[in-house]
Amino acid sequence: MASDAFDASASKEPGLAPSSGVGGGKSFNIFSGDPKRVQKVNQIDREDFELEAKIEPTTVTLPAEIKKDDLPVAKVALLIKSKANRPKTFSFPDAQRIDAVIKDAAGNEVYRWSADKQFVQAIGTSMVMPNEKLSFQIDIPFKKINPMPPSGDYAIEITLANYPTFVAKTKLAMTNNAPQETVTAQNSVAPVDPVAPMPAVLPPATSTNTHVEDGP
């Protein structure tokens, strides 16, 4: 997918719009100037964006005998397409960009990706140009789901961090053939995984694809 978006961590310079000219011409910076004007330019309206949630694989089958460390890992992504007529900037108070929740058919929460993580307190931003996309991706190791839920269809809800109205949903079909004592033989409380700030990705880029590795 084409994208003219980038993600800036606290250690990076804020993005600048193209210069108005060469040879000493003035450049325009959307992060400077009249505060009210800047706030209006950067105002985020949910109606200006299309959201899509993706998961790979969409179907998971657990065999009758499987070790915890051999359980699969699902890749989950949130795609955000801008319909606005000007660049838009999302801001984040820490290293987290998205969260993912797995829910059963009754709406009960089975797993939350951020539950065992601590996020580095580093302010960051992600800018997206008109008609372009942002894409954030995380991994969900099934060994972290405790207890492992029974066979069935599950909803995956992905939320953009710091923007609770930016939610997209997809589905996961799971067939669990493993005996209960096998899949629940793990720590009742998962260790906390520290998450470092997400690196900046500057244009031109095919996507702003944020990948956070889980700890041991």
C-alpha atoms as a PDB file:
ATOM      1  CA  MET A   1       0.000   0.000   0.000  1.00  0.00           C
ATOM      2  CA  ALA A   2       1.277   3.450  -0.812  1.00  0.00           C
ATOM      3  CA  SER A   3       1.828   5.798   2.055  1.00  0.00           C
ATOM      4  CA  ASP A   4       3.185   9.277   2.647  1.00  0.00           C
ATOM      5  CA  ALA A   5       3.125   8.956   6.409  1.00  0.00           C
ATOM      6  CA  PHE A   6       5.770   8.915   9.073  1.00  0.00           C
ATOM      7  CA  ASP A   7       6.097   8.254  12.750  1.00  0.00           C
ATOM      8  CA  ALA A   8       8.284  10.493  14.876  1.00  0.00           C
ATOM      9  CA  SER A   9       9.541   9.609  18.319  1.00  0.00           C
ATOM     10  CA  ALA A  10      10.503  12.149  20.944  1.00  0.00           C
ATOM     11  CA  SER A  11      14.112  12.018  19.777  1.00  0.00           C
ATOM     12  CA  LYS A  12      13.243  13.053  16.221  1.00  0.00           C
ATOM     13  CA  GLU A  13      12.594  16.455  14.748  1.00  0.00           C
ATOM     14  CA  PRO A  14       8.919  17.191  13.918  1.00  0.00           C
ATOM     15  CA  GLY A  15       7.937  16.887  10.282  1.00  0.00           C
ATOM     16  CA  LEU A  16       8.050  19.914   8.011  1.00  0.00           C
ATOM     17  CA  ALA A  17       5.911  20.687   5.017  1.00  0.00           C
ATOM     18  CA  PRO A  18       7.744  21.257   1.713  1.00  0.00           C
ATOM     19  CA  SER A  19       9.609  24.544   1.367  1.00  0.00           C
ATOM     20  CA  SER A  20       7.836  27.345  -0.496  1.00  0.00           C
ATOM     21  CA  GLY A  21      10.892  27.939  -2.632  1.00  0.00           C
ATOM     22  CA  VAL A  22      14.658  27.676  -2.987  1.00  0.00           C
ATOM     23  CA  GLY A  23      17.483  30.097  -2.579  1.00  0.00           C
ATOM     24  CA  GLY A  24      16.469  31.513   0.777  1.00  0.00           C
ATOM     25  CA  GLY A  25      12.681  31.156   0.452  1.00  0.00           C
ATOM     26  CA  LYS A  26      10.741  30.722   3.643  1.00  0.00           C
ATOM     27  CA  SER A  27       9.561  27.265   4.689  1.00  0.00           C
ATOM     28  CA  PHE A  28       6.261  26.477   6.377  1.00  0.00           C
ATOM     29  CA  ASN A  29       6.221  24.457   9.575  1.00  0.00           C
ATOM     30  CA  ILE A  30       2.809  23.216  10.753  1.00  0.00           C
ATOM     31  CA  PHE A  31       4.180  22.915  14.274  1.00  0.00           C
ATOM     32  CA  SER A  32       4.888  26.634  14.631  1.00  0.00           C
ATOM     33  CA  GLY A  33       2.921  29.865  14.400  1.00  0.00           C
ATOM     34  CA  ASP A  34      -0.414  30.886  15.913  1.00  0.00           C
ATOM     35  CA  PRO A  35      -1.364  28.190  18.496  1.00  0.00           C
ATOM     36  CA  LYS A  36      -5.066  28.353  17.576  1.00  0.00           C
ATOM     37  CA  ARG A  37      -4.257  27.925  13.894  1.00  0.00           C
ATOM     38  CA  VAL A  38      -1.929  25.017  14.638  1.00  0.00           C
ATOM     39  CA  GLN A  39      -4.598  23.379  16.817  1.00  0.00           C
ATOM     40  CA  LYS A  40      -7.174  23.723  14.038  1.00  0.00           C
ATOM     41  CA  VAL A  41      -4.806  22.271  11.433  1.00  0.00           C
ATOM     42  CA  ASN A  42      -3.991  19.296  13.656  1.00  0.00           C
ATOM     43  CA  GLN A  43      -7.550  18.689  14.860  1.00  0.00           C
ATOM     44  CA  ILE A  44      -8.394  14.999  14.490  1.00  0.00           C
ATOM     45  CA  ASP A  45     -11.933  14.215  13.336  1.00  0.00           C
ATOM     46  CA  ARG A  46     -12.893  10.526  13.257  1.00  0.00           C
ATOM     47  CA  GLU A  47     -15.046  11.140  10.161  1.00  0.00           C
ATOM     48  CA  ASP A  48     -11.908  12.108   8.211  1.00  0.00           C
ATOM     49  CA  PHE A  49     -10.512   8.565   8.415  1.00  0.00           C
ATOM     50  CA  GLU A  50     -11.301   5.039   7.291  1.00  0.00           C
ATOM     51  CA  LEU A  51     -10.128   2.234   9.579  1.00  0.00           C
ATOM     52  CA  GLU A  52      -9.441  -1.407   8.802  1.00  0.00           C
ATOM     53  CA  ALA A  53      -8.360  -4.203  11.147  1.00  0.00           C
ATOM     54  CA  LYS A  54      -6.377  -7.174   9.886  1.00  0.00           C
ATOM     55  CA  ILE A  55      -5.196 -10.422  11.451  1.00  0.00           C
ATOM     56  CA  GLU A  56      -2.955 -13.130  10.006  1.00  0.00           C
ATOM     57  CA  PRO A  57      -3.810 -15.968  10.150  1.00  0.00           C
ATOM     58  CA  THR A  58      -7.595 -15.635  10.336  1.00  0.00           C
ATOM     59  CA  THR A  59      -8.047 -19.295  11.329  1.00  0.00           C
ATOM     60  CA  VAL A  60      -6.050 -21.127  13.993  1.00  0.00           C
ATOM     61  CA  THR A  61      -6.184 -24.861  14.781  1.00  0.00           C
ATOM     62  CA  LEU A  62      -4.427 -26.169  17.888  1.00  0.00           C
ATOM     63  CA  PRO A  63      -3.528 -29.889  17.728  1.00  0.00           C
ATOM     64  CA  ALA A  64      -4.299 -32.321  20.540  1.00  0.00           C
ATOM     65  CA  GLU A  65      -0.665 -32.269  21.689  1.00  0.00           C
ATOM     66  CA  ILE A  66       1.316 -29.055  21.548  1.00  0.00           C
ATOM     67  CA  LYS A  67       3.894 -27.350  23.753  1.00  0.00           C
ATOM     68  CA  LYS A  68       3.265 -23.839  25.016  1.00  0.00           C
ATOM     69  CA  ASP A  69       6.292 -22.464  23.172  1.00  0.00           C
ATOM     70  CA  ASP A  70       5.046 -24.012  19.918  1.00  0.00           C
ATOM     71  CA  LEU A  71       1.763 -22.124  19.960  1.00  0.00           C
ATOM     72  CA  PRO A  72       1.307 -19.834  16.939  1.00  0.00           C
ATOM     73  CA  VAL A  73       1.765 -16.068  16.772  1.00  0.00           C
ATOM     74  CA  ALA A  74      -0.888 -13.893  15.125  1.00  0.00           C
ATOM     75  CA  LYS A  75       0.043 -10.647  13.398  1.00  0.00           C
ATOM     76  CA  VAL A  76      -2.496  -7.898  13.989  1.00  0.00           C
ATOM     77  CA  ALA A  77      -2.571  -4.553  12.166  1.00  0.00           C
ATOM     78  CA  LEU A  78      -4.587  -1.357  12.164  1.00  0.00           C
ATOM     79  CA  LEU A  79      -4.760   0.566   8.875  1.00  0.00           C
ATOM     80  CA  ILE A  80      -5.819   4.209   8.957  1.00  0.00           C
ATOM     81  CA  LYS A  81      -6.616   5.988   5.679  1.00  0.00           C
ATOM     82  CA  SER A  82      -6.987   9.749   5.657  1.00  0.00           C
ATOM     83  CA  LYS A  83      -9.858  11.356   3.736  1.00  0.00           C
ATOM     84  CA  ALA A  84      -8.880  14.826   4.952  1.00  0.00           C
ATOM     85  CA  ASN A  85      -7.733  17.527   2.534  1.00  0.00           C
ATOM     86  CA  ARG A  86      -4.625  18.392   4.543  1.00  0.00           C
ATOM     87  CA  PRO A  87      -1.946  16.515   6.529  1.00  0.00           C
ATOM     88  CA  LYS A  88      -3.070  15.209   9.904  1.00  0.00           C
ATOM     89  CA  THR A  89      -0.884  14.466  12.915  1.00  0.00           C
ATOM     90  CA  PHE A  90      -1.660  11.939  15.649  1.00  0.00           C
ATOM     91  CA  SER A  91       0.104  12.420  18.979  1.00  0.00           C
ATOM     92  CA  PHE A  92       0.916   9.796  21.604  1.00  0.00           C
ATOM     93  CA  PRO A  93       2.039  10.255  25.221  1.00  0.00           C
ATOM     94  CA  ASP A  94       4.211   7.121  25.232  1.00  0.00           C
ATOM     95  CA  ALA A  95       5.570   4.312  23.030  1.00  0.00           C
ATOM     96  CA  GLN A  96       2.219   2.586  22.567  1.00  0.00           C
ATOM     97  CA  ARG A  97       0.485   3.084  19.219  1.00  0.00           C
ATOM     98  CA  ILE A  98      -2.315   0.489  19.220  1.00  0.00           C
ATOM     99  CA  ASP A  99      -3.941  -2.075  21.487  1.00  0.00           C
ATOM    100  CA  ALA A 100      -5.714  -5.316  20.604  1.00  0.00           C
ATOM    101  CA  VAL A 101      -8.420  -7.163  22.520  1.00  0.00           C
ATOM    102  CA  ILE A 102      -9.803 -10.638  21.847  1.00  0.00           C
ATOM    103  CA  LYS A 103     -13.446 -11.179  22.848  1.00  0.00           C
ATOM    104  CA  ASP A 104     -15.625 -14.264  22.782  1.00  0.00           C
ATOM    105  CA  ALA A 105     -19.128 -14.525  21.300  1.00  0.00           C
ATOM    106  CA  ALA A 106     -20.647 -13.211  24.559  1.00  0.00           C
ATOM    107  CA  GLY A 107     -18.421 -10.106  24.487  1.00  0.00           C
ATOM    108  CA  ASN A 108     -16.177 -11.264  27.324  1.00  0.00           C
ATOM    109  CA  GLU A 109     -12.555 -10.180  27.139  1.00  0.00           C
ATOM    110  CA  VAL A 110     -10.262 -13.158  26.601  1.00  0.00           C
ATOM    111  CA  TYR A 111      -6.973 -11.343  26.036  1.00  0.00           C
ATOM    112  CA  ARG A 112      -5.604  -7.795  25.957  1.00  0.00           C
ATOM    113  CA  TRP A 113      -2.240  -7.200  24.300  1.00  0.00           C
ATOM    114  CA  SER A 114      -1.189  -4.294  26.547  1.00  0.00           C
ATOM    115  CA  ALA A 115      -2.057  -6.024  29.832  1.00  0.00           C
ATOM    116  CA  ASP A 116       1.473  -7.335  30.468  1.00  0.00           C
ATOM    117  CA  LYS A 117       3.425  -4.393  29.064  1.00  0.00           C
ATOM    118  CA  GLN A 118       4.963  -1.181  30.325  1.00  0.00           C
ATOM    119  CA  PHE A 119       5.415   1.572  27.742  1.00  0.00           C
ATOM    120  CA  VAL A 120       8.321   3.974  27.710  1.00  0.00           C
ATOM    121  CA  GLN A 121       7.126   7.508  28.439  1.00  0.00           C
ATOM    122  CA  ALA A 122       8.296   9.164  25.232  1.00  0.00           C
ATOM    123  CA  ILE A 123       5.995  11.557  23.370  1.00  0.00           C
ATOM    124  CA  GLY A 124       5.704  10.790  19.668  1.00  0.00           C
ATOM    125  CA  THR A 125       3.684  11.750  16.593  1.00  0.00           C
ATOM    126  CA  SER A 126       2.531  10.110  13.376  1.00  0.00           C
ATOM    127  CA  MET A 127       1.637  12.230  10.356  1.00  0.00           C
ATOM    128  CA  VAL A 128      -0.507  11.044   7.449  1.00  0.00           C
ATOM    129  CA  MET A 129      -0.984  12.871   4.167  1.00  0.00           C
ATOM    130  CA  PRO A 130      -4.343  13.170   2.327  1.00  0.00           C
ATOM    131  CA  ASN A 131      -5.493   9.883   0.743  1.00  0.00           C
ATOM    132  CA  GLU A 132      -2.576   8.012   2.304  1.00  0.00           C
ATOM    133  CA  LYS A 133      -2.412   5.390   5.057  1.00  0.00           C
ATOM    134  CA  LEU A 134      -0.817   4.683   8.387  1.00  0.00           C
ATOM    135  CA  SER A 135      -0.287   1.052   9.355  1.00  0.00           C
ATOM    136  CA  PHE A 136       0.603  -0.156  12.858  1.00  0.00           C
ATOM    137  CA  GLN A 137       1.330  -3.826  13.547  1.00  0.00           C
ATOM    138  CA  ILE A 138       1.827  -5.947  16.673  1.00  0.00           C
ATOM    139  CA  ASP A 139       2.250  -9.661  17.392  1.00  0.00           C
ATOM    140  CA  ILE A 140      -0.074 -11.708  19.599  1.00  0.00           C
ATOM    141  CA  PRO A 141       1.687 -14.860  20.860  1.00  0.00           C
ATOM    142  CA  PHE A 142      -0.952 -17.439  21.742  1.00  0.00           C
ATOM    143  CA  LYS A 143       1.264 -18.671  24.575  1.00  0.00           C
ATOM    144  CA  LYS A 144       0.395 -15.430  26.397  1.00  0.00           C
ATOM    145  CA  ILE A 145      -3.354 -16.234  26.361  1.00  0.00           C
ATOM    146  CA  ASN A 146      -4.220 -17.863  29.688  1.00  0.00           C
ATOM    147  CA  PRO A 147      -6.351 -19.861  29.913  1.00  0.00           C
ATOM    148  CA  MET A 148      -6.567 -20.826  26.245  1.00  0.00           C
ATOM    149  CA  PRO A 149     -10.216 -20.359  25.192  1.00  0.00           C
ATOM    150  CA  PRO A 150     -12.301 -23.152  23.656  1.00  0.00           C
ATOM    151  CA  SER A 151     -13.072 -23.556  19.963  1.00  0.00           C
ATOM    152  CA  GLY A 152     -15.225 -20.814  18.474  1.00  0.00           C
ATOM    153  CA  ASP A 153     -15.342 -17.495  16.646  1.00  0.00           C
ATOM    154  CA  TYR A 154     -13.688 -14.535  18.334  1.00  0.00           C
ATOM    155  CA  ALA A 155     -13.764 -10.789  17.710  1.00  0.00           C
ATOM    156  CA  ILE A 156     -10.524  -8.832  17.493  1.00  0.00           C
ATOM    157  CA  GLU A 157     -10.863  -5.164  18.435  1.00  0.00           C
ATOM    158  CA  ILE A 158      -7.935  -2.884  17.606  1.00  0.00           C
ATOM    159  CA  THR A 159      -7.820   0.623  19.061  1.00  0.00           C
ATOM    160  CA  LEU A 160      -5.480   3.488  18.230  1.00  0.00           C
ATOM    161  CA  ALA A 161      -3.695   4.542  21.420  1.00  0.00           C
ATOM    162  CA  ASN A 162      -4.798   7.931  22.769  1.00  0.00           C
ATOM    163  CA  TYR A 163      -7.793   7.939  20.356  1.00  0.00           C
ATOM    164  CA  PRO A 164     -10.506   5.691  21.866  1.00  0.00           C
ATOM    165  CA  THR A 165     -12.990   6.336  19.039  1.00  0.00           C
ATOM    166  CA  PHE A 166     -10.539   4.926  16.481  1.00  0.00           C
ATOM    167  CA  VAL A 167     -11.582   1.265  16.729  1.00  0.00           C
ATOM    168  CA  ALA A 168     -11.690  -1.387  14.014  1.00  0.00           C
ATOM    169  CA  LYS A 169     -12.793  -5.016  14.282  1.00  0.00           C
ATOM    170  CA  THR A 170     -12.029  -8.288  12.568  1.00  0.00           C
ATOM    171  CA  LYS A 171     -12.632 -11.985  13.323  1.00  0.00           C
ATOM    172  CA  LEU A 172     -10.577 -14.998  14.346  1.00  0.00           C
ATOM    173  CA  ALA A 173     -11.822 -18.595  14.085  1.00  0.00           C
ATOM    174  CA  MET A 174     -10.098 -20.950  16.513  1.00  0.00           C
ATOM    175  CA  THR A 175     -10.280 -24.723  16.854  1.00  0.00           C
ATOM    176  CA  ASN A 176      -8.786 -25.914  20.131  1.00  0.00           C
ATOM    177  CA  ASN A 177      -8.121 -29.647  20.199  1.00  0.00           C
ATOM    178  CA  ALA A 178      -5.625 -29.512  23.054  1.00  0.00           C
ATOM    179  CA  PRO A 179      -6.630 -30.869  26.485  1.00  0.00           C
ATOM    180  CA  GLN A 180      -7.293 -28.196  29.094  1.00  0.00           C
ATOM    181  CA  GLU A 181      -4.352 -29.158  31.320  1.00  0.00           C
ATOM    182  CA  THR A 182      -1.966 -28.755  28.369  1.00  0.00           C
ATOM    183  CA  VAL A 183      -2.914 -25.289  27.225  1.00  0.00           C
ATOM    184  CA  THR A 184      -3.262 -23.770  30.704  1.00  0.00           C
ATOM    185  CA  ALA A 185       0.060 -25.064  32.030  1.00  0.00           C
ATOM    186  CA  GLN A 186       1.669 -21.632  32.206  1.00  0.00           C
ATOM    187  CA  ASN A 187       2.137 -18.796  34.667  1.00  0.00           C
ATOM    188  CA  SER A 188      -1.134 -17.432  36.005  1.00  0.00           C
ATOM    189  CA  VAL A 189       0.344 -13.926  35.817  1.00  0.00           C
ATOM    190  CA  ALA A 190       2.360 -13.091  32.716  1.00  0.00           C
ATOM    191  CA  PRO A 191       5.614 -11.153  33.204  1.00  0.00           C
ATOM    192  CA  VAL A 192       5.574  -7.504  32.273  1.00  0.00           C
ATOM    193  CA  ASP A 193       7.188  -6.778  28.904  1.00  0.00           C
ATOM    194  CA  PRO A 194       8.918  -3.384  28.583  1.00  0.00           C
ATOM    195  CA  VAL A 195       8.187  -1.670  25.271  1.00  0.00           C
ATOM    196  CA  ALA A 196      10.707   0.777  23.849  1.00  0.00           C
ATOM    197  CA  PRO A 197       9.790   3.877  21.829  1.00  0.00           C
ATOM    198  CA  MET A 198       8.758   3.123  18.273  1.00  0.00           C
ATOM    199  CA  PRO A 199      11.280   4.192  15.623  1.00  0.00           C
ATOM    200  CA  ALA A 200      10.519   6.989  13.187  1.00  0.00           C
ATOM    201  CA  VAL A 201       9.810   6.034   9.594  1.00  0.00           C
ATOM    202  CA  LEU A 202      10.330   8.887   7.182  1.00  0.00           C
ATOM    203  CA  PRO A 203       8.864   9.213   3.654  1.00  0.00           C
ATOM    204  CA  PRO A 204       9.132   7.915   1.031  1.00  0.00           C
ATOM    205  CA  ALA A 205       7.892   4.724   2.628  1.00  0.00           C
ATOM    206  CA  THR A 206       5.419   2.039   1.685  1.00  0.00           C
ATOM    207  CA  SER A 207       3.835   2.183   5.120  1.00  0.00           C
ATOM    208  CA  THR A 208       4.364   3.297   8.655  1.00  0.00           C
ATOM    209  CA  ASN A 209       4.559  -0.230   9.979  1.00  0.00           C
ATOM    210  CA  THR A 210       5.174  -0.354  13.696  1.00  0.00           C
ATOM    211  CA  HIS A 211       6.237  -3.712  15.061  1.00  0.00           C
ATOM    212  CA  VAL A 212       6.694  -4.341  18.774  1.00  0.00           C
ATOM    213  CA  GLU A 213       8.402  -7.529  19.853  1.00  0.00           C
ATOM    214  CA  ASP A 214       7.171  -9.292  22.984  1.00  0.00           C
ATOM    215  CA  GLY A 215       9.637 -10.103  25.738  1.00  0.00           C
ATOM    216  CA  PRO A 216      10.592 -13.635  26.776  1.00  0.00           C
END
